[in-house]
Amino acid sequence: MAQVLEFKLPDLGEGLTEAEIVRWLVEVGDVVAIDQPVVEVETAKAMVEVPCPYGGVVTARFGEEGSELPVGAPLLTVAVGATDASSSGSDGAAAEEPSGGSGNVLVGYGTGAPTARRRRIRPERVGATAATATVPASAPAPVPAAASALAPAPVPVGEVNGQANGQVNGRQGPVAVVSPLVRRLARQHDIDLRRLTGSGPDGLILRADVDSAIRHAGEATEAEARPAAEPVAAEAPTVHVGVAVPAAERIPLRGVRGAVADKLSRSRSEIPDATCWVDADATELMVARAAMNAASGPSGGPKVSVLALLARICTAALARYPELNSTVDTAAREIVRLPGVHLGFAAQTERGLVVPVVRDAHTRNAESIGAEIARLTELARTGKLSPAQLTGGTFTLNNYGVFGVDGSTPIINHPEAAMLGVGRIMPKPWVHNGELAVRQVVQLSLTFDHRVCDGGTAGGFLRYVADCVEQPAVLLRTL
């Protein structure tokens, strides 16, 4: 007899509490192998494929693409030992304890000895979502007062919109809501989800649908409370023909964009930052880069990028000014100077801004740093960076010159202590050797945590970086 096992969304690390389903990789009825990826999810850190620790037939999926699930929520059920989908049963209940899974352990989740349990569906949980189970309900549900303006008198589940057999808003089964956040928001505002028609795939009710219902409920309440206007005598009413104003677009702050928003807000609220900047003549740096790449020959390896040279300059500067390679322990009221440099660099992707980290950058030369930057950049573009590759940085380099701008005041990547911003390198008039000339000029800006150092240290760091840009030979002392 097949054992039906429930696979829950595991803790994917770094304290993440939820993930968004991007794409299902299996269908109900598919046969999956142990550790086969079954779903692609996006967390606040990265996009990852989640493997299932059980092998068998998929009997149910929980959650639609585009919905969010909390860690520990069911992802799917698998009939272990079944030869086809029919042998798994129809109730999705877990049978006896399995003989064993893959043995692989995700963070906060093990498969070596799962606890056998039987899932029970309670009648009061009308909105629970499952791919193979429906929830019967015979008693009529009350309609909240705030939502009364959105729908007619209450009707029992199974007869909404004049339909029978459990059809709700034109769909068979329970209310199409997956996200527990959407359910909680509806409860907080007395919104009856049975009265809503979802705008998501297959009628899935999204947060935007609940937000719209909340606004309409508030407008209805205001209209009822507003006193009737007194008629104006001897004056015909004026009819105004206006243009309908489109509703404002609401974009949820979640996933990578939500994580970036939280980190930037925390940085601004916790770190007393200051910024200093300087213009530098990068002509000699560009000449040195051209010479390096020419010396490597047509097949002598990858070219050294300007970003790689600037990263190498940063590691040399941090060796001289270790105050900026630190963090602040606010609980202990201590400055923690870090022994190694894990250099983050800002990368713009279709999913938003991410900051991959080059580990142990202080032990690498410019060519090694450049190769690692290229590798991590490609992973960022394809959304395949792991959480470990996006965390643990000690200093960040932000090349916003790729956007065609000259300067900026970067926000520190919390909990780091500093960030170096680099503008575009472009020809400008410059006094060189006492004469006016056209040189390749770049603006460098340093934002630093004023708790870890004073302006003298920050200015010394920035001046050393500028000197290396103007005279790359200065780096020879540390190579």
Protein backbone atom coordinates (compact mmCIF):
# COMPACT_ATOMS: atom_id res chain seq x y z
CA MET A 1 0.00 0.00 0.00
CA ALA A 2 1.34 3.39 -0.91
CA GLN A 3 2.43 5.79 1.80
CA VAL A 4 1.39 9.38 1.15
CA LEU A 5 4.03 11.77 2.48
CA GLU A 6 3.74 15.53 2.81
CA PHE A 7 6.71 17.66 1.77
CA LYS A 8 6.78 21.09 3.39
CA LEU A 9 8.57 24.24 2.26
CA PRO A 10 11.93 23.98 4.04
CA ASP A 11 13.90 26.77 5.69
CA LEU A 12 16.16 27.92 2.87
CA GLY A 13 18.59 29.64 5.21
CA GLU A 14 19.52 33.14 6.42
CA GLY A 15 16.37 33.38 8.55
CA LEU A 16 14.01 33.52 5.57
CA THR A 17 10.38 33.05 6.58
CA GLU A 18 8.59 32.78 3.23
CA ALA A 19 9.10 32.21 -0.48
CA GLU A 20 7.18 32.94 -3.66
CA ILE A 21 6.36 30.11 -6.05
CA VAL A 22 7.83 31.07 -9.42
CA ARG A 23 7.30 27.89 -11.42
CA TRP A 24 6.12 24.37 -10.74
CA LEU A 25 8.43 21.76 -12.27
CA VAL A 26 6.02 18.82 -11.80
CA GLU A 27 2.31 18.15 -12.24
CA VAL A 28 -0.11 16.08 -10.17
CA GLY A 29 0.29 12.49 -11.32
CA ASP A 30 3.97 12.85 -12.30
CA VAL A 31 6.47 10.33 -10.99
CA VAL A 32 9.38 12.01 -9.20
CA ALA A 33 12.72 10.62 -8.08
CA ILE A 34 14.39 11.27 -4.74
CA ASP A 35 15.99 14.73 -4.66
CA GLN A 36 14.40 15.74 -7.99
CA PRO A 37 13.67 19.50 -8.16
CA VAL A 38 9.90 19.97 -8.02
CA VAL A 39 9.40 23.72 -7.73
CA GLU A 40 11.31 26.95 -8.37
CA VAL A 41 10.84 29.56 -5.64
CA GLU A 42 12.09 33.08 -5.10
CA THR A 43 13.17 34.18 -1.65
CA ALA A 44 14.34 37.54 -0.43
CA LYS A 45 17.87 36.41 -1.29
CA ALA A 46 17.75 34.40 -4.49
CA MET A 47 15.80 32.15 -6.84
CA VAL A 48 16.33 28.48 -6.05
CA GLU A 49 15.01 25.07 -7.12
CA VAL A 50 13.67 23.00 -4.23
CA PRO A 51 14.30 19.21 -4.41
CA CYS A 52 11.82 16.72 -2.99
CA PRO A 53 13.36 14.19 -0.56
CA TYR A 54 10.81 11.51 -1.50
CA GLY A 55 10.37 9.41 -4.62
CA GLY A 56 6.93 8.43 -5.87
CA VAL A 57 3.80 9.86 -7.49
CA VAL A 58 2.77 13.49 -6.91
CA THR A 59 -0.78 13.43 -5.53
CA ALA A 60 -1.29 17.12 -4.69
CA ARG A 61 0.32 20.52 -5.07
CA PHE A 62 -0.26 23.41 -2.69
CA GLY A 63 -0.03 26.97 -3.98
CA GLU A 64 -0.23 28.59 -7.39
CA GLU A 65 2.57 30.25 -9.32
CA GLY A 66 2.96 33.81 -8.07
CA SER A 67 1.70 33.05 -4.56
CA GLU A 68 3.72 33.19 -1.34
CA LEU A 69 4.05 30.37 1.15
CA PRO A 70 5.51 30.55 4.65
CA VAL A 71 8.30 28.20 5.70
CA GLY A 72 6.74 24.97 6.97
CA ALA A 73 3.65 25.18 4.75
CA PRO A 74 2.87 22.10 2.61
CA LEU A 75 4.34 22.15 -0.90
CA LEU A 76 3.11 18.82 -2.24
CA THR A 77 2.25 15.25 -1.27
CA VAL A 78 3.93 12.19 -2.74
CA ALA A 79 2.65 8.61 -2.76
CA VAL A 80 5.75 6.58 -1.98
CA GLY A 81 5.63 3.05 -3.39
CA ALA A 82 2.76 3.86 -5.79
CA THR A 83 3.03 2.76 -9.39
CA ASP A 84 0.50 5.24 -10.63
CA ALA A 85 -1.44 8.26 -9.44
CA SER A 86 -4.55 6.21 -8.59
CA SER A 87 -2.77 4.19 -5.92
CA SER A 88 -2.16 7.26 -3.81
CA GLY A 89 -5.78 7.69 -2.73
CA SER A 90 -7.80 10.87 -2.90
CA ASP A 91 -7.60 12.34 0.57
CA GLY A 92 -3.90 13.22 0.55
CA ALA A 93 -3.51 11.85 4.09
CA ALA A 94 -0.14 10.71 5.34
CA ALA A 95 0.09 6.97 5.97
CA GLU A 96 2.51 5.09 8.17
CA GLU A 97 6.03 6.30 8.79
CA PRO A 98 8.10 6.00 5.61
CA SER A 99 11.00 3.67 5.20
CA GLY A 100 13.28 6.63 4.50
CA GLY A 101 13.86 9.64 2.28
CA SER A 102 17.01 10.88 0.62
CA GLY A 103 18.69 11.54 3.93
CA ASN A 104 19.60 15.03 2.74
CA VAL A 105 18.93 17.77 5.24
CA LEU A 106 17.94 21.30 4.30
CA VAL A 107 18.21 24.05 6.89
CA GLY A 108 15.58 23.36 9.52
CA TYR A 109 14.29 20.28 7.67
CA GLY A 110 15.38 16.63 7.79
CA THR A 111 14.17 13.59 5.90
CA GLY A 112 15.87 10.82 7.75
CA ALA A 113 12.96 9.99 10.07
CA PRO A 114 9.82 12.05 9.45
CA THR A 115 7.01 11.82 11.94
CA ALA A 116 3.95 10.02 10.64
CA ARG A 117 0.75 12.01 10.93
CA ARG A 118 -2.61 12.27 9.23
CA ARG A 119 -3.71 15.60 7.83
CA ARG A 120 -7.18 16.59 8.90
CA ILE A 121 -9.27 19.22 7.15
CA ARG A 122 -11.50 21.05 9.53
CA PRO A 123 -14.89 22.34 8.34
CA GLU A 124 -14.25 25.85 9.62
CA ARG A 125 -11.23 26.25 7.38
CA VAL A 126 -13.30 27.06 4.31
CA GLY A 127 -10.43 28.93 2.63
CA ALA A 128 -7.79 26.19 2.93
CA THR A 129 -6.15 25.51 -0.43
CA ALA A 130 -5.22 22.05 -1.67
CA ALA A 131 -5.00 20.63 -5.14
CA THR A 132 -6.85 17.39 -4.43
CA ALA A 133 -9.23 18.16 -1.55
CA THR A 134 -12.35 20.33 -1.16
CA VAL A 135 -13.98 21.45 2.05
CA PRO A 136 -17.72 20.93 2.37
CA ALA A 137 -19.76 23.52 4.22
CA SER A 138 -23.49 23.52 4.68
CA ALA A 139 -24.06 26.41 7.05
CA PRO A 140 -24.33 29.93 5.59
CA ALA A 141 -21.38 32.17 6.36
CA PRO A 142 -22.06 35.62 7.83
CA VAL A 143 -21.29 38.64 5.70
CA PRO A 144 -19.22 41.35 7.46
CA ALA A 145 -20.86 44.76 7.66
CA ALA A 146 -17.92 46.48 5.96
CA ALA A 147 -18.24 44.20 2.95
CA SER A 148 -22.01 44.44 2.62
CA ALA A 149 -21.72 47.10 -0.06
CA LEU A 150 -19.74 44.70 -2.25
CA ALA A 151 -22.29 41.88 -2.56
CA PRO A 152 -25.99 40.95 -2.03
CA ALA A 153 -27.36 39.11 0.95
CA PRO A 154 -25.37 36.14 2.32
CA VAL A 155 -25.73 32.80 0.60
CA PRO A 156 -24.32 29.45 1.66
CA VAL A 157 -21.07 28.12 0.26
CA GLY A 158 -21.95 26.05 -2.77
CA GLU A 159 -24.60 28.53 -3.96
CA VAL A 160 -22.52 31.64 -4.56
CA ASN A 161 -23.45 33.35 -7.85
CA GLY A 162 -26.40 30.97 -8.18
CA GLN A 163 -24.12 27.95 -8.67
CA ALA A 164 -24.29 24.64 -6.85
CA ASN A 165 -21.93 21.76 -6.07
CA GLY A 166 -19.39 23.91 -4.30
CA GLN A 167 -18.81 26.39 -7.11
CA VAL A 168 -17.49 29.72 -5.79
CA ASN A 169 -17.24 32.74 -8.08
CA GLY A 170 -17.53 30.46 -11.07
CA ARG A 171 -14.85 28.00 -9.81
CA GLN A 172 -15.22 24.52 -8.34
CA GLY A 173 -13.80 23.97 -4.86
CA PRO A 174 -12.78 26.22 -1.98
CA VAL A 175 -11.98 29.90 -2.19
CA ALA A 176 -8.93 30.36 -4.44
CA VAL A 177 -6.61 31.97 -1.90
CA VAL A 178 -3.17 30.52 -1.24
CA SER A 179 -1.24 33.18 0.64
CA PRO A 180 -1.85 33.23 4.40
CA LEU A 181 -0.95 36.92 4.31
CA VAL A 182 -3.90 37.60 2.02
CA ARG A 183 -6.24 35.68 4.33
CA ARG A 184 -5.01 37.55 7.38
CA LEU A 185 -5.44 40.91 5.63
CA ALA A 186 -9.01 39.98 4.67
CA ARG A 187 -9.84 38.95 8.24
CA GLN A 188 -8.41 42.17 9.65
CA HIS A 189 -10.69 44.25 7.41
CA ASP A 190 -13.79 42.02 7.55
CA ILE A 191 -13.60 41.18 3.85
CA ASP A 192 -15.52 38.07 2.77
CA LEU A 193 -13.23 36.29 0.32
CA ARG A 194 -16.17 34.37 -1.13
CA ARG A 195 -17.48 37.61 -2.64
CA LEU A 196 -14.26 38.39 -4.53
CA THR A 197 -13.20 37.36 -8.00
CA GLY A 198 -9.46 36.87 -8.15
CA SER A 199 -7.31 38.49 -10.80
CA GLY A 200 -4.56 35.87 -10.57
CA PRO A 201 -4.11 32.69 -12.59
CA ASP A 202 -7.27 30.53 -12.57
CA GLY A 203 -9.08 33.12 -10.48
CA LEU A 204 -6.48 33.15 -7.67
CA ILE A 205 -7.28 35.94 -5.19
CA LEU A 206 -4.21 38.16 -4.79
CA ARG A 207 -3.42 40.82 -2.23
CA ALA A 208 -4.26 43.49 -4.81
CA ASP A 209 -7.81 42.11 -4.98
CA VAL A 210 -8.20 42.36 -1.20
CA ASP A 211 -6.70 45.87 -1.17
CA SER A 212 -9.25 46.92 -3.80
CA ALA A 213 -12.10 45.45 -1.75
CA ILE A 214 -10.87 47.33 1.33
CA ARG A 215 -10.88 50.62 -0.59
CA HIS A 216 -14.37 50.02 -1.96
CA ALA A 217 -15.66 49.08 1.48
CA GLY A 218 -14.25 52.30 2.92
CA GLU A 219 -15.80 54.38 0.15
CA ALA A 220 -19.18 52.73 0.75
CA THR A 221 -18.98 53.45 4.46
CA GLU A 222 -18.14 57.11 3.80
CA ALA A 223 -21.05 57.42 1.36
CA GLU A 224 -23.50 56.09 3.97
CA ALA A 225 -22.18 58.45 6.65
CA ARG A 226 -22.14 61.52 4.39
CA PRO A 227 -25.21 63.79 4.92
CA ALA A 228 -27.43 64.44 1.93
CA ALA A 229 -26.82 67.77 0.23
CA GLU A 230 -29.56 70.36 0.46
CA PRO A 231 -31.23 71.29 -2.86
CA VAL A 232 -30.35 74.64 -4.38
CA ALA A 233 -33.40 76.68 -5.32
CA ALA A 234 -33.85 78.47 -8.68
CA GLU A 235 -30.69 77.06 -10.14
CA ALA A 236 -30.41 74.21 -12.59
CA PRO A 237 -27.83 71.59 -11.72
CA THR A 238 -24.60 71.67 -13.71
CA VAL A 239 -23.55 68.42 -15.33
CA HIS A 240 -19.80 67.88 -15.59
CA VAL A 241 -18.42 65.30 -17.97
CA GLY A 242 -15.07 64.17 -16.64
CA VAL A 243 -12.39 61.73 -17.67
CA ALA A 244 -12.08 58.58 -15.60
CA VAL A 245 -8.89 58.60 -13.54
CA PRO A 246 -7.06 55.25 -13.72
CA ALA A 247 -6.37 53.53 -10.43
CA ALA A 248 -2.87 53.73 -9.06
CA GLU A 249 -0.75 50.65 -9.61
CA ARG A 250 0.28 48.81 -6.46
CA ILE A 251 3.46 46.72 -6.58
CA PRO A 252 4.09 44.43 -3.60
CA LEU A 253 7.45 44.90 -1.89
CA ARG A 254 8.48 41.28 -1.65
CA GLY A 255 11.20 38.95 -2.79
CA VAL A 256 14.51 40.59 -3.67
CA ARG A 257 12.99 44.07 -3.97
CA GLY A 258 11.38 43.77 -0.54
CA ALA A 259 14.63 42.59 1.04
CA VAL A 260 16.55 45.49 -0.50
CA ALA A 261 13.93 47.95 0.75
CA ASP A 262 14.17 46.57 4.28
CA LYS A 263 17.96 46.67 4.30
CA LEU A 264 18.19 50.22 2.94
CA SER A 265 15.58 51.47 5.41
CA ARG A 266 17.47 49.83 8.27
CA SER A 267 20.73 51.35 7.07
CA ARG A 268 19.28 54.85 7.01
CA SER A 269 17.63 54.47 10.42
CA GLU A 270 20.58 52.87 12.26
CA ILE A 271 23.78 54.14 10.66
CA PRO A 272 24.92 57.77 11.07
CA ASP A 273 26.52 57.99 7.64
CA ALA A 274 28.53 60.74 5.98
CA THR A 275 29.84 61.09 2.43
CA CYS A 276 33.01 62.59 0.96
CA TRP A 277 34.03 62.61 -2.68
CA VAL A 278 36.85 63.56 -5.01
CA ASP A 279 37.50 63.81 -8.76
CA ALA A 280 40.43 61.75 -10.03
CA ASP A 281 42.36 61.59 -13.31
CA ALA A 282 41.92 57.98 -14.43
CA THR A 283 43.92 58.33 -17.66
CA GLU A 284 46.92 56.35 -16.38
CA LEU A 285 44.64 53.65 -14.96
CA MET A 286 43.05 53.16 -18.39
CA VAL A 287 46.52 53.05 -20.00
CA ALA A 288 47.65 50.43 -17.46
CA ARG A 289 44.55 48.32 -18.08
CA ALA A 290 45.12 48.42 -21.84
CA ALA A 291 48.74 47.33 -21.31
CA MET A 292 47.67 44.42 -19.06
CA ASN A 293 45.18 43.14 -21.58
CA ALA A 294 47.60 43.57 -24.49
CA ALA A 295 50.28 41.61 -22.62
CA SER A 296 47.92 38.67 -22.14
CA GLY A 297 47.70 38.21 -25.92
CA PRO A 298 44.76 36.97 -28.00
CA SER A 299 44.37 33.75 -25.96
CA GLY A 300 46.09 34.69 -22.72
CA GLY A 301 43.00 34.62 -20.56
CA PRO A 302 40.09 36.92 -19.73
CA LYS A 303 40.52 40.66 -19.95
CA VAL A 304 40.98 42.68 -16.77
CA SER A 305 38.02 45.01 -16.23
CA VAL A 306 38.06 48.48 -14.73
CA LEU A 307 35.86 47.18 -11.90
CA ALA A 308 38.43 44.49 -11.11
CA LEU A 309 41.20 47.09 -10.90
CA LEU A 310 39.09 49.30 -8.64
CA ALA A 311 38.30 46.28 -6.46
CA ARG A 312 42.01 45.52 -6.11
CA ILE A 313 42.64 49.15 -5.20
CA CYS A 314 39.93 48.89 -2.52
CA THR A 315 41.52 45.85 -0.89
CA ALA A 316 44.87 47.68 -0.78
CA ALA A 317 43.20 50.75 0.75
CA LEU A 318 41.39 48.65 3.37
CA ALA A 319 44.71 47.11 4.39
CA ARG A 320 45.88 50.65 5.21
CA TYR A 321 42.59 51.76 6.75
CA PRO A 322 41.07 48.67 8.46
CA GLU A 323 38.58 50.86 10.33
CA LEU A 324 36.39 50.81 7.23
CA ASN A 325 36.39 47.00 7.06
CA SER A 326 34.34 46.63 10.22
CA THR A 327 30.86 46.56 11.68
CA VAL A 328 29.21 47.91 14.82
CA ASP A 329 27.81 45.61 17.52
CA THR A 330 25.12 47.90 18.90
CA ALA A 331 24.16 45.52 21.71
CA ALA A 332 27.71 45.34 23.07
CA ARG A 333 28.55 48.91 21.99
CA GLU A 334 31.68 47.67 20.24
CA ILE A 335 33.33 48.21 16.86
CA VAL A 336 34.23 44.84 15.35
CA ARG A 337 37.17 45.00 12.93
CA LEU A 338 37.00 42.09 10.53
CA PRO A 339 40.12 40.07 9.63
CA GLY A 340 39.34 39.48 5.95
CA VAL A 341 37.82 41.47 3.10
CA HIS A 342 34.72 39.96 1.52
CA LEU A 343 34.05 42.48 -1.21
CA GLY A 344 30.49 43.01 -2.39
CA PHE A 345 29.70 44.69 -5.69
CA ALA A 346 26.33 46.08 -6.74
CA ALA A 347 24.75 44.37 -9.75
CA GLN A 348 21.50 45.45 -11.40
CA THR A 349 19.33 42.58 -12.66
CA GLU A 350 15.79 42.15 -13.93
CA ARG A 351 14.81 41.01 -10.43
CA GLY A 352 16.27 44.13 -8.83
CA LEU A 353 19.52 45.21 -7.22
CA VAL A 354 21.65 42.42 -5.78
CA VAL A 355 25.10 42.50 -4.15
CA PRO A 356 27.16 39.34 -4.82
CA VAL A 357 30.21 38.89 -2.60
CA VAL A 358 33.77 38.05 -3.68
CA ARG A 359 35.11 35.97 -0.79
CA ASP A 360 38.61 36.66 0.54
CA ALA A 361 39.18 39.45 -1.94
CA HIS A 362 42.25 40.55 0.05
CA THR A 363 44.06 37.35 -1.06
CA ARG A 364 43.30 37.80 -4.79
CA ASN A 365 45.00 39.77 -7.54
CA ALA A 366 43.15 41.86 -10.10
CA GLU A 367 42.81 38.98 -12.56
CA SER A 368 41.37 36.62 -9.94
CA ILE A 369 38.95 39.24 -8.66
CA GLY A 370 37.83 39.99 -12.22
CA ALA A 371 37.16 36.32 -12.96
CA GLU A 372 35.08 35.94 -9.80
CA ILE A 373 33.12 39.13 -10.53
CA ALA A 374 32.33 37.82 -14.03
CA ARG A 375 31.19 34.46 -12.65
CA LEU A 376 28.95 35.98 -9.98
CA THR A 377 27.53 38.53 -12.42
CA GLU A 378 26.40 35.76 -14.77
CA LEU A 379 24.73 33.91 -11.88
CA ALA A 380 23.00 37.15 -10.87
CA ARG A 381 21.61 37.70 -14.37
CA THR A 382 20.15 34.19 -14.47
CA GLY A 383 18.77 34.41 -10.93
CA LYS A 384 20.89 31.48 -9.70
CA LEU A 385 22.84 33.15 -6.89
CA SER A 386 22.59 31.25 -3.62
CA PRO A 387 21.90 33.05 -0.32
CA ALA A 388 25.50 32.36 0.74
CA GLN A 389 26.78 34.25 -2.31
CA LEU A 390 24.70 37.31 -1.37
CA THR A 391 25.61 37.61 2.30
CA GLY A 392 28.65 38.09 4.49
CA GLY A 393 30.15 41.11 2.73
CA THR A 394 32.40 43.49 4.67
CA PHE A 395 32.75 46.33 2.13
CA THR A 396 30.83 47.19 -1.03
CA LEU A 397 31.96 48.68 -4.36
CA ASN A 398 29.19 50.36 -6.35
CA ASN A 399 29.93 51.21 -9.99
CA TYR A 400 26.96 53.42 -10.90
CA GLY A 401 28.94 54.88 -13.78
CA VAL A 402 27.48 52.11 -15.97
CA PHE A 403 24.20 54.09 -15.84
CA GLY A 404 25.89 57.14 -17.34
CA VAL A 405 25.93 59.25 -14.15
CA ASP A 406 28.85 61.07 -12.56
CA GLY A 407 28.14 61.02 -8.83
CA SER A 408 26.01 59.66 -6.03
CA THR A 409 25.78 59.38 -2.26
CA PRO A 410 25.49 55.61 -1.75
CA ILE A 411 23.52 54.07 1.09
CA ILE A 412 25.69 51.74 3.16
CA ASN A 413 24.95 48.05 2.76
CA HIS A 414 23.95 47.27 6.37
CA PRO A 415 25.70 46.05 8.54
CA GLU A 416 28.87 47.12 6.74
CA ALA A 417 30.68 50.34 7.59
CA ALA A 418 31.40 51.86 4.17
CA MET A 419 30.72 51.83 0.45
CA LEU A 420 32.78 53.26 -2.41
CA GLY A 421 30.82 54.69 -5.33
CA VAL A 422 32.37 55.11 -8.78
CA GLY A 423 30.94 57.36 -11.48
CA ARG A 424 31.47 57.20 -15.24
CA ILE A 425 34.95 57.74 -16.67
CA MET A 426 34.75 60.37 -19.38
CA PRO A 427 36.95 62.96 -21.13
CA LYS A 428 37.04 66.30 -19.29
CA PRO A 429 39.29 69.36 -19.24
CA TRP A 430 41.95 68.85 -16.58
CA VAL A 431 45.13 70.61 -15.50
CA HIS A 432 47.93 68.09 -16.14
CA ASN A 433 51.59 68.98 -15.56
CA GLY A 434 50.65 72.63 -15.33
CA GLU A 435 48.75 72.71 -18.60
CA LEU A 436 45.12 72.34 -19.55
CA ALA A 437 44.48 68.99 -21.21
CA VAL A 438 41.66 66.56 -21.95
CA ARG A 439 41.91 63.66 -19.48
CA GLN A 440 39.79 60.68 -18.46
CA VAL A 441 38.17 61.86 -15.21
CA VAL A 442 36.10 59.92 -12.70
CA GLN A 443 34.31 60.95 -9.52
CA LEU A 444 34.78 58.74 -6.45
CA SER A 445 32.48 58.99 -3.45
CA LEU A 446 32.81 57.26 -0.08
CA THR A 447 29.88 56.88 2.31
CA PHE A 448 31.02 55.72 5.75
CA ASP A 449 29.65 54.97 9.19
CA HIS A 450 30.78 57.89 11.34
CA ARG A 451 30.81 55.64 14.40
CA VAL A 452 33.76 53.59 13.16
CA CYS A 453 36.00 56.49 12.15
CA ASP A 454 36.24 60.23 11.74
CA GLY A 455 36.57 62.27 8.58
CA GLY A 456 40.37 62.08 8.65
CA THR A 457 40.36 58.31 8.25
CA ALA A 458 37.64 58.38 5.58
CA GLY A 459 39.46 61.15 3.71
CA GLY A 460 42.75 59.24 3.92
CA PHE A 461 41.12 56.13 2.48
CA LEU A 462 39.52 58.02 -0.38
CA ARG A 463 42.69 59.95 -1.14
CA TYR A 464 44.71 56.72 -1.33
CA VAL A 465 42.15 55.23 -3.74
CA ALA A 466 42.32 58.36 -5.89
CA ASP A 467 46.14 58.27 -5.88
CA CYS A 468 46.11 54.66 -7.08
CA VAL A 469 43.65 55.59 -9.83
CA GLU A 470 45.85 58.49 -10.96
CA GLN A 471 49.15 56.61 -10.48
CA PRO A 472 48.63 52.84 -10.64
CA ALA A 473 52.31 52.33 -9.83
CA VAL A 474 51.44 53.21 -6.21
CA LEU A 475 49.93 49.72 -5.97
CA LEU A 476 53.31 48.10 -6.69
CA ARG A 477 54.24 48.59 -3.03
CA THR A 478 51.49 46.21 -1.94
CA LEU A 479 51.59 43.65 -4.80
